[in-house]
Amino acid sequence: MRKRTITLLGSNKLISEDKLYLYMYKALKWSQKMNKEINSTFLKNHITDKELFYHPLWIAKTLVIAARRPFPPKKIPKMIFVDAISGYRGMLSTVPQTVSIHVKPEHLTNIGIIEEDVKKYIKDVQEKQINRSYVLKKPDHKLIELSLVYLPLWRVNVKSDMLNKEFIINANTGESEEYMVTFWQENKWMRIS
């Protein structure tokens, strides 16, 4: 089977399957953790399926150009992300690390927002989030680079009499991505007002 080269978000030092169960337990609600029978071993023993997949995100390197006459304009770099499925978007606080890897195409989530359409989502972040901090004259914006990157995620299903749950765990950090998953099922972020 042919493999595709993708840009992976992170350093490709993914959490191991052994640690995955600990992060799944950490992602449980407090009320579920109160049941003493549910622990990381219980979760491991009740997995029905597990897969590592790669979720697409657009990352834009931009420049905010604020006029300061008579001085030269101030140029501030900003990083913007757009979820390529839901349109969920915002700013990154740091430049993320990326590496190129080869993966089987069946492990890639299909892109919902193509390159031609992502620019309107970037403009929305610039107007609604960045421009808010400029009271009088709004700055100009310049798109420097646009990249499609993939976030590695574990999807794990657990089924038992006590717990039926799908976990989406960030394979870089071990954090639960349930918040992001809610946007995949609704289309509120696809709209730009």
N, C-alpha and C. Protein backbone atom coordinates (compact mmCIF):
# COMPACT_ATOMS: atom_id res chain seq x y z
N MET A 1 0.84 -1.18 0.00
CA MET A 1 0.00 0.00 0.00
C MET A 1 0.89 1.24 0.00
N ARG A 2 0.55 2.18 -0.86
CA ARG A 2 1.34 3.41 -0.97
C ARG A 2 1.09 4.29 0.24
N LYS A 3 2.13 4.98 0.67
CA LYS A 3 2.02 5.89 1.80
C LYS A 3 2.08 7.33 1.31
N ARG A 4 1.46 8.21 2.09
CA ARG A 4 1.50 9.64 1.78
C ARG A 4 2.41 10.34 2.75
N THR A 5 3.09 11.36 2.27
CA THR A 5 3.91 12.19 3.14
C THR A 5 3.05 13.34 3.64
N ILE A 6 3.02 13.51 4.96
CA ILE A 6 2.25 14.59 5.56
C ILE A 6 3.15 15.37 6.52
N THR A 7 2.70 16.57 6.85
CA THR A 7 3.36 17.36 7.88
C THR A 7 2.61 17.11 9.17
N LEU A 8 3.32 16.56 10.13
CA LEU A 8 2.72 16.19 11.42
C LEU A 8 2.94 17.31 12.42
N LEU A 9 1.90 17.66 13.13
CA LEU A 9 2.01 18.64 14.22
C LEU A 9 2.65 17.94 15.41
N GLY A 10 3.77 18.44 15.87
CA GLY A 10 4.51 17.80 16.96
C GLY A 10 5.80 17.20 16.47
N SER A 11 6.48 16.46 17.35
CA SER A 11 7.80 15.91 17.04
C SER A 11 7.75 14.43 16.67
N ASN A 12 6.57 13.86 16.56
CA ASN A 12 6.36 12.44 16.26
C ASN A 12 6.81 11.55 17.42
N LYS A 13 6.85 12.10 18.63
CA LYS A 13 7.08 11.31 19.83
C LYS A 13 5.72 11.12 20.49
N LEU A 14 4.96 10.18 19.96
CA LEU A 14 3.58 9.98 20.38
C LEU A 14 3.52 9.22 21.69
N ILE A 15 2.45 9.46 22.43
CA ILE A 15 2.30 8.72 23.70
C ILE A 15 2.12 7.24 23.38
N SER A 16 2.69 6.41 24.21
CA SER A 16 2.64 4.96 23.99
C SER A 16 1.25 4.43 24.35
N GLU A 17 0.95 3.25 23.85
CA GLU A 17 -0.34 2.63 24.16
C GLU A 17 -0.47 2.35 25.65
N ASP A 18 0.62 2.03 26.33
CA ASP A 18 0.56 1.79 27.77
C ASP A 18 0.12 3.05 28.52
N LYS A 19 0.66 4.20 28.12
CA LYS A 19 0.28 5.45 28.78
C LYS A 19 -1.09 5.94 28.32
N LEU A 20 -1.53 5.49 27.16
CA LEU A 20 -2.83 5.91 26.63
C LEU A 20 -3.95 5.64 27.63
N TYR A 21 -3.90 4.50 28.31
CA TYR A 21 -4.96 4.13 29.25
C TYR A 21 -5.00 5.07 30.46
N LEU A 22 -3.83 5.55 30.86
CA LEU A 22 -3.77 6.51 31.97
C LEU A 22 -4.41 7.83 31.55
N TYR A 23 -4.15 8.26 30.33
CA TYR A 23 -4.74 9.51 29.84
C TYR A 23 -6.25 9.35 29.62
N MET A 24 -6.68 8.17 29.21
CA MET A 24 -8.12 7.92 29.08
C MET A 24 -8.79 8.06 30.44
N TYR A 25 -8.17 7.48 31.45
CA TYR A 25 -8.73 7.56 32.81
C TYR A 25 -8.79 9.03 33.27
N LYS A 26 -7.73 9.76 32.97
CA LYS A 26 -7.68 11.18 33.34
C LYS A 26 -8.80 11.96 32.65
N ALA A 27 -9.21 11.54 31.44
CA ALA A 27 -10.25 12.25 30.68
C ALA A 27 -11.67 11.96 31.17
N LEU A 28 -11.82 10.98 32.05
CA LEU A 28 -13.15 10.65 32.57
C LEU A 28 -13.69 11.79 33.43
N LYS A 29 -15.02 11.89 33.50
CA LYS A 29 -15.66 12.85 34.39
C LYS A 29 -15.43 12.41 35.83
N TRP A 30 -15.50 13.38 36.72
CA TRP A 30 -15.28 13.10 38.14
C TRP A 30 -16.24 12.03 38.64
N SER A 31 -17.50 12.11 38.20
CA SER A 31 -18.50 11.14 38.66
C SER A 31 -18.15 9.71 38.21
N GLN A 32 -17.53 9.57 37.04
CA GLN A 32 -17.12 8.25 36.56
C GLN A 32 -15.92 7.73 37.34
N LYS A 33 -15.05 8.63 37.77
CA LYS A 33 -13.88 8.24 38.55
C LYS A 33 -14.27 7.81 39.97
N MET A 34 -15.44 8.22 40.41
CA MET A 34 -15.89 7.85 41.75
C MET A 34 -16.16 6.35 41.85
N ASN A 35 -16.47 5.72 40.73
CA ASN A 35 -16.66 4.27 40.71
C ASN A 35 -15.28 3.61 40.82
N LYS A 36 -15.03 2.97 41.92
CA LYS A 36 -13.71 2.38 42.20
C LYS A 36 -13.33 1.25 41.25
N GLU A 37 -14.34 0.67 40.59
CA GLU A 37 -14.05 -0.43 39.65
C GLU A 37 -13.48 0.07 38.34
N ILE A 38 -13.72 1.35 38.03
CA ILE A 38 -13.23 1.92 36.78
C ILE A 38 -11.86 2.53 37.02
N ASN A 39 -10.85 1.93 36.42
CA ASN A 39 -9.48 2.44 36.48
C ASN A 39 -8.83 2.21 35.11
N SER A 40 -7.55 2.51 34.98
CA SER A 40 -6.90 2.36 33.68
C SER A 40 -6.86 0.91 33.21
N THR A 41 -6.75 -0.03 34.13
CA THR A 41 -6.78 -1.45 33.75
C THR A 41 -8.16 -1.85 33.25
N PHE A 42 -9.20 -1.37 33.92
CA PHE A 42 -10.57 -1.63 33.48
C PHE A 42 -10.77 -1.11 32.05
N LEU A 43 -10.31 0.12 31.79
CA LEU A 43 -10.46 0.71 30.46
C LEU A 43 -9.73 -0.15 29.42
N LYS A 44 -8.52 -0.55 29.74
CA LYS A 44 -7.74 -1.38 28.82
C LYS A 44 -8.44 -2.69 28.50
N ASN A 45 -9.07 -3.30 29.51
CA ASN A 45 -9.73 -4.60 29.33
C ASN A 45 -11.06 -4.51 28.59
N HIS A 46 -11.64 -3.32 28.47
CA HIS A 46 -12.95 -3.18 27.84
C HIS A 46 -12.91 -2.38 26.53
N ILE A 47 -11.74 -2.31 25.92
CA ILE A 47 -11.62 -1.63 24.63
C ILE A 47 -12.20 -2.52 23.54
N THR A 48 -13.07 -1.93 22.73
CA THR A 48 -13.62 -2.68 21.59
C THR A 48 -12.86 -2.37 20.31
N ASP A 49 -12.38 -1.15 20.17
CA ASP A 49 -11.50 -0.83 19.03
C ASP A 49 -10.68 0.41 19.35
N LYS A 50 -9.55 0.51 18.65
CA LYS A 50 -8.59 1.59 18.91
C LYS A 50 -7.89 1.88 17.60
N GLU A 51 -7.73 3.18 17.30
CA GLU A 51 -7.00 3.55 16.09
C GLU A 51 -6.29 4.87 16.27
N LEU A 52 -5.15 5.00 15.64
CA LEU A 52 -4.42 6.25 15.56
C LEU A 52 -4.77 6.86 14.22
N PHE A 53 -5.29 8.07 14.24
CA PHE A 53 -5.61 8.74 12.97
C PHE A 53 -5.06 10.16 12.99
N TYR A 54 -5.09 10.80 11.84
CA TYR A 54 -4.47 12.11 11.69
C TYR A 54 -5.52 13.10 11.22
N HIS A 55 -5.71 14.14 12.04
CA HIS A 55 -6.76 15.14 11.81
C HIS A 55 -6.16 16.40 11.17
N PRO A 56 -6.75 16.91 10.07
CA PRO A 56 -6.17 18.04 9.34
C PRO A 56 -6.48 19.40 9.98
N LEU A 57 -5.46 20.24 10.01
CA LEU A 57 -5.57 21.62 10.47
C LEU A 57 -4.81 22.51 9.50
N TRP A 58 -5.34 23.68 9.24
CA TRP A 58 -4.61 24.68 8.47
C TRP A 58 -3.88 25.58 9.47
N ILE A 59 -2.62 25.87 9.22
CA ILE A 59 -1.83 26.79 10.03
C ILE A 59 -1.37 27.92 9.12
N ALA A 60 -1.69 29.15 9.51
CA ALA A 60 -1.32 30.33 8.72
C ALA A 60 -0.33 31.18 9.49
N LYS A 61 0.78 31.48 8.86
CA LYS A 61 1.71 32.47 9.40
C LYS A 61 1.31 33.80 8.78
N THR A 62 1.00 34.76 9.63
CA THR A 62 0.55 36.06 9.14
C THR A 62 1.38 37.17 9.77
N LEU A 63 1.23 38.34 9.20
CA LEU A 63 1.90 39.53 9.70
C LEU A 63 0.83 40.60 9.91
N VAL A 64 0.81 41.18 11.10
CA VAL A 64 -0.07 42.30 11.40
C VAL A 64 0.77 43.56 11.22
N ILE A 65 0.31 44.45 10.35
CA ILE A 65 1.07 45.66 10.04
C ILE A 65 0.27 46.86 10.54
N ALA A 66 0.76 47.43 11.65
CA ALA A 66 0.06 48.56 12.29
C ALA A 66 0.79 49.85 11.96
N ALA A 67 0.06 50.79 11.35
CA ALA A 67 0.64 52.09 11.00
C ALA A 67 0.91 52.89 12.28
N ARG A 68 2.08 53.59 12.30
CA ARG A 68 2.45 54.43 13.45
C ARG A 68 3.10 55.71 12.94
N ARG A 69 2.42 56.43 12.09
CA ARG A 69 3.03 57.62 11.50
C ARG A 69 3.43 58.60 12.58
N PRO A 70 4.57 59.23 12.50
CA PRO A 70 5.53 59.29 11.39
C PRO A 70 6.56 58.16 11.43
N PHE A 71 6.41 57.21 12.36
CA PHE A 71 7.36 56.11 12.46
C PHE A 71 7.03 55.03 11.45
N PRO A 72 7.98 54.13 11.19
CA PRO A 72 7.67 53.01 10.29
C PRO A 72 6.60 52.10 10.92
N PRO A 73 5.84 51.40 10.11
CA PRO A 73 4.79 50.53 10.66
C PRO A 73 5.37 49.42 11.54
N LYS A 74 4.61 49.04 12.56
CA LYS A 74 5.01 47.96 13.45
C LYS A 74 4.51 46.65 12.84
N LYS A 75 5.41 45.67 12.71
CA LYS A 75 5.05 44.38 12.10
C LYS A 75 5.10 43.31 13.18
N ILE A 76 3.96 42.66 13.41
CA ILE A 76 3.83 41.66 14.47
C ILE A 76 3.43 40.33 13.84
N PRO A 77 4.26 39.28 14.00
CA PRO A 77 3.88 37.97 13.45
C PRO A 77 2.80 37.32 14.32
N LYS A 78 1.87 36.65 13.67
CA LYS A 78 0.78 35.91 14.34
C LYS A 78 0.62 34.56 13.66
N MET A 79 0.23 33.57 14.45
CA MET A 79 -0.06 32.23 13.93
C MET A 79 -1.55 31.96 14.13
N ILE A 80 -2.22 31.58 13.06
CA ILE A 80 -3.66 31.30 13.09
C ILE A 80 -3.88 29.85 12.71
N PHE A 81 -4.80 29.16 13.41
CA PHE A 81 -5.15 27.80 13.02
C PHE A 81 -6.61 27.75 12.63
N VAL A 82 -6.92 26.85 11.71
CA VAL A 82 -8.30 26.58 11.30
C VAL A 82 -8.46 25.07 11.20
N ASP A 83 -9.41 24.52 11.96
CA ASP A 83 -9.72 23.09 11.86
C ASP A 83 -10.28 22.84 10.46
N ALA A 84 -9.66 21.95 9.71
CA ALA A 84 -10.05 21.71 8.31
C ALA A 84 -11.33 20.89 8.17
N ILE A 85 -11.94 20.52 9.30
CA ILE A 85 -13.22 19.81 9.27
C ILE A 85 -14.35 20.74 9.71
N SER A 86 -14.20 21.35 10.88
CA SER A 86 -15.29 22.11 11.47
C SER A 86 -15.23 23.61 11.21
N GLY A 87 -14.05 24.13 10.87
CA GLY A 87 -13.90 25.57 10.73
C GLY A 87 -13.58 26.26 12.05
N TYR A 88 -13.50 25.49 13.14
CA TYR A 88 -13.10 26.07 14.44
C TYR A 88 -11.75 26.73 14.24
N ARG A 89 -11.60 27.94 14.79
CA ARG A 89 -10.41 28.71 14.48
C ARG A 89 -9.99 29.60 15.64
N GLY A 90 -8.74 30.01 15.59
CA GLY A 90 -8.22 30.88 16.62
C GLY A 90 -6.74 31.13 16.40
N MET A 91 -6.09 31.67 17.43
CA MET A 91 -4.67 31.99 17.32
C MET A 91 -3.84 31.04 18.17
N LEU A 92 -2.66 30.75 17.70
CA LEU A 92 -1.70 29.94 18.45
C LEU A 92 -0.76 30.88 19.19
N SER A 93 -0.37 30.48 20.38
CA SER A 93 0.52 31.34 21.17
C SER A 93 1.99 31.15 20.79
N THR A 94 2.32 30.01 20.21
CA THR A 94 3.70 29.74 19.81
C THR A 94 3.73 29.11 18.42
N VAL A 95 4.89 29.12 17.82
CA VAL A 95 5.06 28.45 16.52
C VAL A 95 5.18 26.96 16.81
N PRO A 96 4.27 26.15 16.27
CA PRO A 96 4.30 24.72 16.58
C PRO A 96 5.42 23.99 15.85
N GLN A 97 5.92 22.95 16.51
CA GLN A 97 6.92 22.10 15.89
C GLN A 97 6.22 21.15 14.91
N THR A 98 6.85 20.90 13.77
CA THR A 98 6.29 19.97 12.79
C THR A 98 7.41 19.09 12.23
N VAL A 99 7.02 17.91 11.76
CA VAL A 99 7.94 17.00 11.08
C VAL A 99 7.19 16.34 9.92
N SER A 100 7.94 15.88 8.93
CA SER A 100 7.34 15.14 7.82
C SER A 100 7.39 13.65 8.15
N ILE A 101 6.27 12.97 7.92
CA ILE A 101 6.22 11.52 8.13
C ILE A 101 5.44 10.90 6.98
N HIS A 102 5.53 9.58 6.86
CA HIS A 102 4.79 8.82 5.86
C HIS A 102 3.71 8.03 6.58
N VAL A 103 2.46 8.13 6.08
CA VAL A 103 1.35 7.39 6.69
C VAL A 103 0.50 6.77 5.59
N LYS A 104 -0.25 5.75 5.98
CA LYS A 104 -1.20 5.15 5.04
C LYS A 104 -2.39 6.09 4.88
N PRO A 105 -2.87 6.28 3.66
CA PRO A 105 -3.97 7.22 3.42
C PRO A 105 -5.24 6.93 4.23
N GLU A 106 -5.48 5.67 4.57
CA GLU A 106 -6.70 5.34 5.33
C GLU A 106 -6.67 5.87 6.76
N HIS A 107 -5.50 6.32 7.22
CA HIS A 107 -5.39 6.88 8.57
C HIS A 107 -5.59 8.41 8.58
N LEU A 108 -5.80 8.99 7.40
CA LEU A 108 -6.00 10.43 7.30
C LEU A 108 -7.49 10.77 7.25
N THR A 109 -7.87 11.78 8.02
CA THR A 109 -9.25 12.28 7.95
C THR A 109 -9.35 13.18 6.73
N ASN A 110 -10.43 13.04 5.96
CA ASN A 110 -10.62 13.86 4.76
C ASN A 110 -10.81 15.33 5.12
N ILE A 111 -10.28 16.19 4.28
CA ILE A 111 -10.36 17.63 4.49
C ILE A 111 -11.75 18.12 4.10
N GLY A 112 -12.34 18.95 4.96
CA GLY A 112 -13.65 19.55 4.66
C GLY A 112 -13.52 20.97 4.14
N ILE A 113 -12.46 21.68 4.54
CA ILE A 113 -12.24 23.06 4.11
C ILE A 113 -10.97 23.08 3.27
N ILE A 114 -11.14 23.38 1.99
CA ILE A 114 -10.00 23.37 1.07
C ILE A 114 -9.25 24.70 1.13
N GLU A 115 -8.08 24.71 0.53
CA GLU A 115 -7.19 25.88 0.61
C GLU A 115 -7.85 27.16 0.11
N GLU A 116 -8.64 27.08 -0.94
CA GLU A 116 -9.29 28.28 -1.48
C GLU A 116 -10.29 28.88 -0.50
N ASP A 117 -10.90 28.05 0.33
CA ASP A 117 -11.91 28.52 1.28
C ASP A 117 -11.34 28.93 2.63
N VAL A 118 -10.16 28.44 2.99
CA VAL A 118 -9.64 28.68 4.33
C VAL A 118 -9.31 30.16 4.56
N LYS A 119 -9.05 30.89 3.50
CA LYS A 119 -8.67 32.30 3.66
C LYS A 119 -9.78 33.13 4.29
N LYS A 120 -11.03 32.79 4.04
CA LYS A 120 -12.12 33.56 4.68
C LYS A 120 -12.18 33.28 6.19
N TYR A 121 -11.76 32.10 6.62
CA TYR A 121 -11.71 31.79 8.05
C TYR A 121 -10.54 32.53 8.71
N ILE A 122 -9.44 32.64 8.00
CA ILE A 122 -8.28 33.39 8.51
C ILE A 122 -8.66 34.86 8.65
N LYS A 123 -9.34 35.39 7.65
CA LYS A 123 -9.78 36.79 7.69
C LYS A 123 -10.73 37.02 8.86
N ASP A 124 -11.57 36.04 9.16
CA ASP A 124 -12.50 36.15 10.28
C ASP A 124 -11.74 36.27 11.60
N VAL A 125 -10.67 35.49 11.78
CA VAL A 125 -9.84 35.59 13.00
C VAL A 125 -9.17 36.95 13.06
N GLN A 126 -8.68 37.42 11.92
CA GLN A 126 -8.00 38.72 11.89
C GLN A 126 -8.96 39.84 12.29
N GLU A 127 -10.19 39.80 11.76
CA GLU A 127 -11.16 40.86 12.03
C GLU A 127 -11.75 40.78 13.43
N LYS A 128 -12.07 39.58 13.90
CA LYS A 128 -12.79 39.44 15.16
C LYS A 128 -11.90 39.25 16.38
N GLN A 129 -10.68 38.76 16.19
CA GLN A 129 -9.82 38.53 17.35
C GLN A 129 -8.63 39.49 17.39
N ILE A 130 -7.94 39.64 16.28
CA ILE A 130 -6.75 40.50 16.28
C ILE A 130 -7.14 41.97 16.28
N ASN A 131 -8.07 42.35 15.42
CA ASN A 131 -8.44 43.77 15.30
C ASN A 131 -9.09 44.32 16.56
N ARG A 132 -9.61 43.46 17.44
CA ARG A 132 -10.24 43.91 18.68
C ARG A 132 -9.30 44.74 19.54
N SER A 133 -8.02 44.42 19.48
CA SER A 133 -7.06 45.13 20.33
C SER A 133 -6.61 46.47 19.74
N TYR A 134 -7.13 46.82 18.59
CA TYR A 134 -6.80 48.10 17.96
C TYR A 134 -8.06 48.98 17.99
N VAL A 135 -8.03 50.00 18.85
CA VAL A 135 -9.23 50.81 19.08
C VAL A 135 -9.55 51.71 17.91
N LEU A 136 -8.57 52.44 17.42
CA LEU A 136 -8.85 53.41 16.36
C LEU A 136 -8.63 52.81 14.98
N LYS A 137 -7.45 52.98 14.43
CA LYS A 137 -7.18 52.48 13.08
C LYS A 137 -6.84 50.99 13.13
N LYS A 138 -7.56 50.23 12.34
CA LYS A 138 -7.33 48.78 12.28
C LYS A 138 -6.08 48.51 11.45
N PRO A 139 -5.33 47.48 11.80
CA PRO A 139 -4.09 47.19 11.06
C PRO A 139 -4.37 46.49 9.73
N ASP A 140 -3.34 46.43 8.92
CA ASP A 140 -3.38 45.63 7.70
C ASP A 140 -2.87 44.24 8.06
N HIS A 141 -3.25 43.27 7.24
CA HIS A 141 -2.83 41.89 7.49
C HIS A 141 -2.22 41.32 6.21
N LYS A 142 -1.18 40.53 6.40
CA LYS A 142 -0.53 39.88 5.26
C LYS A 142 -0.36 38.40 5.57
N LEU A 143 -0.81 37.56 4.66
CA LEU A 143 -0.63 36.12 4.80
C LEU A 143 0.75 35.77 4.26
N ILE A 144 1.59 35.21 5.13
CA ILE A 144 2.96 34.87 4.75
C ILE A 144 3.04 33.44 4.23
N GLU A 145 2.42 32.50 4.96
CA GLU A 145 2.50 31.09 4.59
C GLU A 145 1.27 30.36 5.10
N LEU A 146 0.78 29.45 4.30
CA LEU A 146 -0.37 28.62 4.69
C LEU A 146 0.04 27.16 4.52
N SER A 147 -0.14 26.38 5.60
CA SER A 147 0.27 24.97 5.57
C SER A 147 -0.85 24.08 6.08
N LEU A 148 -0.95 22.91 5.49
CA LEU A 148 -1.86 21.88 5.99
C LEU A 148 -1.02 20.95 6.85
N VAL A 149 -1.40 20.82 8.12
CA VAL A 149 -0.70 19.93 9.05
C VAL A 149 -1.72 18.95 9.61
N TYR A 150 -1.21 17.89 10.20
CA TYR A 150 -2.09 16.86 10.75
C TYR A 150 -1.78 16.65 12.22
N LEU A 151 -2.83 16.63 13.03
CA LEU A 151 -2.73 16.39 14.46
C LEU A 151 -2.97 14.90 14.71
N PRO A 152 -2.03 14.20 15.34
CA PRO A 152 -2.24 12.77 15.62
C PRO A 152 -3.19 12.58 16.80
N LEU A 153 -4.21 11.76 16.60
CA LEU A 153 -5.22 11.52 17.64
C LEU A 153 -5.47 10.02 17.79
N TRP A 154 -5.68 9.60 19.02
CA TRP A 154 -6.13 8.24 19.30
C TRP A 154 -7.64 8.25 19.44
N ARG A 155 -8.32 7.36 18.73
CA ARG A 155 -9.77 7.14 18.93
C ARG A 155 -9.89 5.77 19.58
N VAL A 156 -10.46 5.72 20.77
CA VAL A 156 -10.58 4.47 21.52
C VAL A 156 -12.03 4.34 21.99
N ASN A 157 -12.64 3.20 21.70
CA ASN A 157 -13.99 2.92 22.17
C ASN A 157 -13.94 1.90 23.30
N VAL A 158 -14.64 2.23 24.37
CA VAL A 158 -14.74 1.35 25.53
C VAL A 158 -16.22 1.01 25.71
N LYS A 159 -16.52 -0.28 25.82
CA LYS A 159 -17.90 -0.72 26.04
C LYS A 159 -17.92 -1.73 27.18
N SER A 160 -18.82 -1.45 28.13
CA SER A 160 -19.02 -2.37 29.25
C SER A 160 -20.37 -2.04 29.88
N ASP A 161 -20.76 -2.80 30.86
CA ASP A 161 -22.00 -2.52 31.57
C ASP A 161 -21.92 -1.19 32.33
N MET A 162 -20.73 -0.82 32.75
CA MET A 162 -20.55 0.40 33.54
C MET A 162 -20.20 1.63 32.71
N LEU A 163 -19.63 1.42 31.53
CA LEU A 163 -19.13 2.56 30.76
C LEU A 163 -19.16 2.27 29.27
N ASN A 164 -19.82 3.14 28.52
CA ASN A 164 -19.77 3.13 27.06
C ASN A 164 -19.30 4.51 26.63
N LYS A 165 -18.11 4.58 26.08
CA LYS A 165 -17.55 5.90 25.78
C LYS A 165 -16.54 5.81 24.65
N GLU A 166 -16.55 6.86 23.81
CA GLU A 166 -15.50 7.03 22.81
C GLU A 166 -14.55 8.11 23.31
N PHE A 167 -13.27 7.78 23.36
CA PHE A 167 -12.24 8.73 23.78
C PHE A 167 -11.51 9.22 22.54
N ILE A 168 -11.26 10.53 22.47
CA ILE A 168 -10.37 11.10 21.46
C ILE A 168 -9.25 11.76 22.25
N ILE A 169 -8.06 11.19 22.14
CA ILE A 169 -6.91 11.62 22.93
C ILE A 169 -5.82 12.15 22.00
N ASN A 170 -5.33 13.34 22.30
CA ASN A 170 -4.23 13.92 21.54
C ASN A 170 -2.99 13.04 21.73
N ALA A 171 -2.48 12.50 20.63
CA ALA A 171 -1.35 11.56 20.71
C ALA A 171 -0.03 12.25 21.02
N ASN A 172 0.00 13.59 20.92
CA ASN A 172 1.20 14.35 21.30
C ASN A 172 1.25 14.61 22.80
N THR A 173 0.12 15.04 23.35
CA THR A 173 0.09 15.53 24.73
C THR A 173 -0.63 14.62 25.70
N GLY A 174 -1.52 13.75 25.21
CA GLY A 174 -2.33 12.92 26.08
C GLY A 174 -3.60 13.60 26.56
N GLU A 175 -3.81 14.83 26.14
CA GLU A 175 -5.01 15.57 26.55
C GLU A 175 -6.23 15.07 25.78
N SER A 176 -7.38 15.15 26.43
CA SER A 176 -8.64 14.80 25.77
C SER A 176 -8.98 15.89 24.75
N GLU A 177 -9.48 15.49 23.61
CA GLU A 177 -9.89 16.44 22.57
C GLU A 177 -11.41 16.42 22.39
N GLU A 178 -12.14 16.08 23.45
CA GLU A 178 -13.60 16.03 23.38
C GLU A 178 -14.19 17.38 22.99
N TYR A 179 -13.59 18.47 23.45
CA TYR A 179 -14.08 19.81 23.11
C TYR A 179 -14.04 20.02 21.60
N MET A 180 -12.92 19.66 20.96
CA MET A 180 -12.80 19.81 19.52
C MET A 180 -13.78 18.91 18.78
N VAL A 181 -14.01 17.71 19.30
CA VAL A 181 -14.91 16.75 18.66
C VAL A 181 -16.33 17.30 18.57
N THR A 182 -16.75 18.06 19.58
CA THR A 182 -18.12 18.62 19.54
C THR A 182 -18.30 19.51 18.32
N PHE A 183 -17.24 20.17 17.87
CA PHE A 183 -17.35 21.03 16.69
C PHE A 183 -17.46 20.23 15.40
N TRP A 184 -16.93 19.00 15.38
CA TRP A 184 -17.04 18.17 14.19
C TRP A 184 -18.49 17.81 13.92
N GLN A 185 -19.31 17.71 14.98
CA GLN A 185 -20.68 17.26 14.82
C GLN A 185 -21.67 18.39 14.60
N GLU A 186 -21.27 19.62 14.85
CA GLU A 186 -22.16 20.75 14.60
C GLU A 186 -21.48 21.65 13.58
N ASN A 187 -22.26 22.50 12.96
CA ASN A 187 -21.65 23.32 11.91
C ASN A 187 -21.60 24.81 12.26
N LYS A 188 -21.64 25.15 13.56
CA LYS A 188 -21.66 26.56 13.93
C LYS A 188 -20.38 27.30 13.54
N TRP A 189 -19.24 26.59 13.51
CA TRP A 189 -17.99 27.26 13.15
C TRP A 189 -17.82 27.40 11.64
N MET A 190 -18.64 26.68 10.87
CA MET A 190 -18.55 26.79 9.41
C MET A 190 -19.10 28.13 8.94
N ARG A 191 -20.00 28.69 9.74
CA ARG A 191 -20.61 29.99 9.37
C ARG A 191 -19.65 31.12 9.72
N ILE A 192 -19.64 32.11 8.87
CA ILE A 192 -18.86 33.31 9.14
C ILE A 192 -19.83 34.47 9.09
N SER A 193 -19.94 35.15 10.24
CA SER A 193 -20.91 36.25 10.29
C SER A 193 -20.22 37.59 10.25
